[in-house]
């Protein structure tokens, strides 16, 4: 849609004295394709961001699993030492 301002007194908007906004259906030509290209670029960046987030989340879970394995091994080693002492 294309916005056309006219200088009539009727249909004024607050803060815009003596102007009326008329909406007309008109092809926007190259502007429409630029907007589509821009939205495609934005969507590509969003997809890239989400993929990176997914990768980071998977890596985070692997690190948590590793820490839990190390904790379990440390507790087991400590229990074995206590069993030898007592």
Protein backbone atom coordinates (compact mmCIF):
# COMPACT_ATOMS: atom_id res chain seq x y z
CA UNK A 1 0.00 0.00 0.00
CA UNK A 2 1.09 3.50 -0.66
CA UNK A 3 0.30 6.48 1.56
CA UNK A 4 -0.77 9.71 -0.11
CA UNK A 5 -1.12 12.92 1.89
CA UNK A 6 -3.66 15.46 0.74
CA UNK A 7 -4.10 19.03 1.95
CA UNK A 8 -7.80 18.97 2.72
CA UNK A 9 -9.32 20.25 5.94
CA UNK A 10 -11.56 17.23 6.45
CA UNK A 11 -10.25 14.05 7.99
CA UNK A 12 -7.37 15.68 9.84
CA UNK A 13 -5.19 13.74 12.24
CA UNK A 14 -4.09 15.06 15.65
CA UNK A 15 -0.76 16.77 15.24
CA UNK A 16 -1.16 16.91 11.48
CA UNK A 17 -3.43 19.87 10.77
CA UNK A 18 -5.11 20.16 7.39
CA UNK A 19 -3.83 16.82 6.14
CA UNK A 20 -5.60 13.60 5.44
CA UNK A 21 -4.03 10.26 4.82
CA UNK A 22 -5.33 8.40 1.80
CA UNK A 23 -4.35 4.81 1.27
CA UNK A 24 -4.15 3.56 -2.26
CA UNK A 25 -3.27 0.17 -3.59
CA UNK A 26 -0.31 0.68 -5.82
CA UNK A 27 2.55 -1.59 -6.82
CA UNK A 28 5.68 -0.56 -5.02
CA UNK A 29 8.07 -2.01 -7.59
CA UNK A 30 11.71 -2.42 -6.53
CA UNK A 31 10.93 -1.41 -2.97
CA UNK A 32 8.86 -4.54 -2.53
CA UNK A 33 11.71 -6.76 -3.69
CA UNK A 34 14.18 -4.93 -1.43
CA UNK A 35 11.89 -5.55 1.53
CA UNK A 36 11.61 -9.21 0.60
CA UNK A 37 15.41 -9.49 0.28
CA UNK A 38 15.83 -7.75 3.62
CA UNK A 39 13.36 -10.09 5.30
CA UNK A 40 15.12 -13.08 3.71
CA UNK A 41 18.43 -11.87 5.12
CA UNK A 42 16.87 -11.39 8.54
CA UNK A 43 15.36 -14.88 8.43
CA UNK A 44 18.73 -16.33 7.40
CA UNK A 45 20.40 -14.60 10.36
CA UNK A 46 17.70 -15.90 12.70
CA UNK A 47 18.18 -19.44 11.39
CA UNK A 48 21.95 -19.14 11.82
CA UNK A 49 21.51 -17.82 15.37
CA UNK A 50 19.12 -20.63 16.28
CA UNK A 51 21.50 -23.24 14.86
CA UNK A 52 24.38 -21.77 16.89
CA UNK A 53 22.19 -21.75 20.01
CA UNK A 54 21.31 -25.40 19.45
CA UNK A 55 24.99 -26.29 19.05
CA UNK A 56 25.93 -24.37 22.19
CA UNK A 57 23.13 -26.02 24.15
CA UNK A 58 24.30 -29.49 23.05
CA UNK A 59 27.89 -28.62 24.02
CA UNK A 60 26.66 -27.35 27.38
CA UNK A 61 24.85 -30.62 28.04
CA UNK A 62 27.98 -32.60 27.14
CA UNK A 63 30.02 -30.50 29.59
CA UNK A 64 27.44 -31.08 32.34
CA UNK A 65 27.55 -34.85 31.69
CA UNK A 66 31.35 -34.80 31.89
CA UNK A 67 31.31 -32.92 35.20
CA UNK A 68 28.78 -35.40 36.61
CA UNK A 69 30.99 -38.33 35.47
CA UNK A 70 34.02 -36.74 37.16
CA UNK A 71 32.00 -36.12 40.32
CA UNK A 72 30.83 -39.73 40.39
CA UNK A 73 34.42 -40.98 39.91
CA UNK A 74 35.69 -38.69 42.70
CA UNK A 75 32.99 -39.88 45.11
CA UNK A 76 33.75 -43.50 44.25
CA UNK A 77 37.49 -42.97 44.84
CA UNK A 78 36.76 -41.24 48.16
CA UNK A 79 34.47 -44.08 49.26
CA UNK A 80 37.17 -46.65 48.40
CA UNK A 81 39.72 -44.74 50.50
CA UNK A 82 37.28 -44.60 53.42
CA UNK A 83 36.62 -48.34 53.08
CA UNK A 84 40.38 -49.05 53.26
CA UNK A 85 40.71 -46.91 56.39
CA UNK A 86 37.73 -48.16 58.23
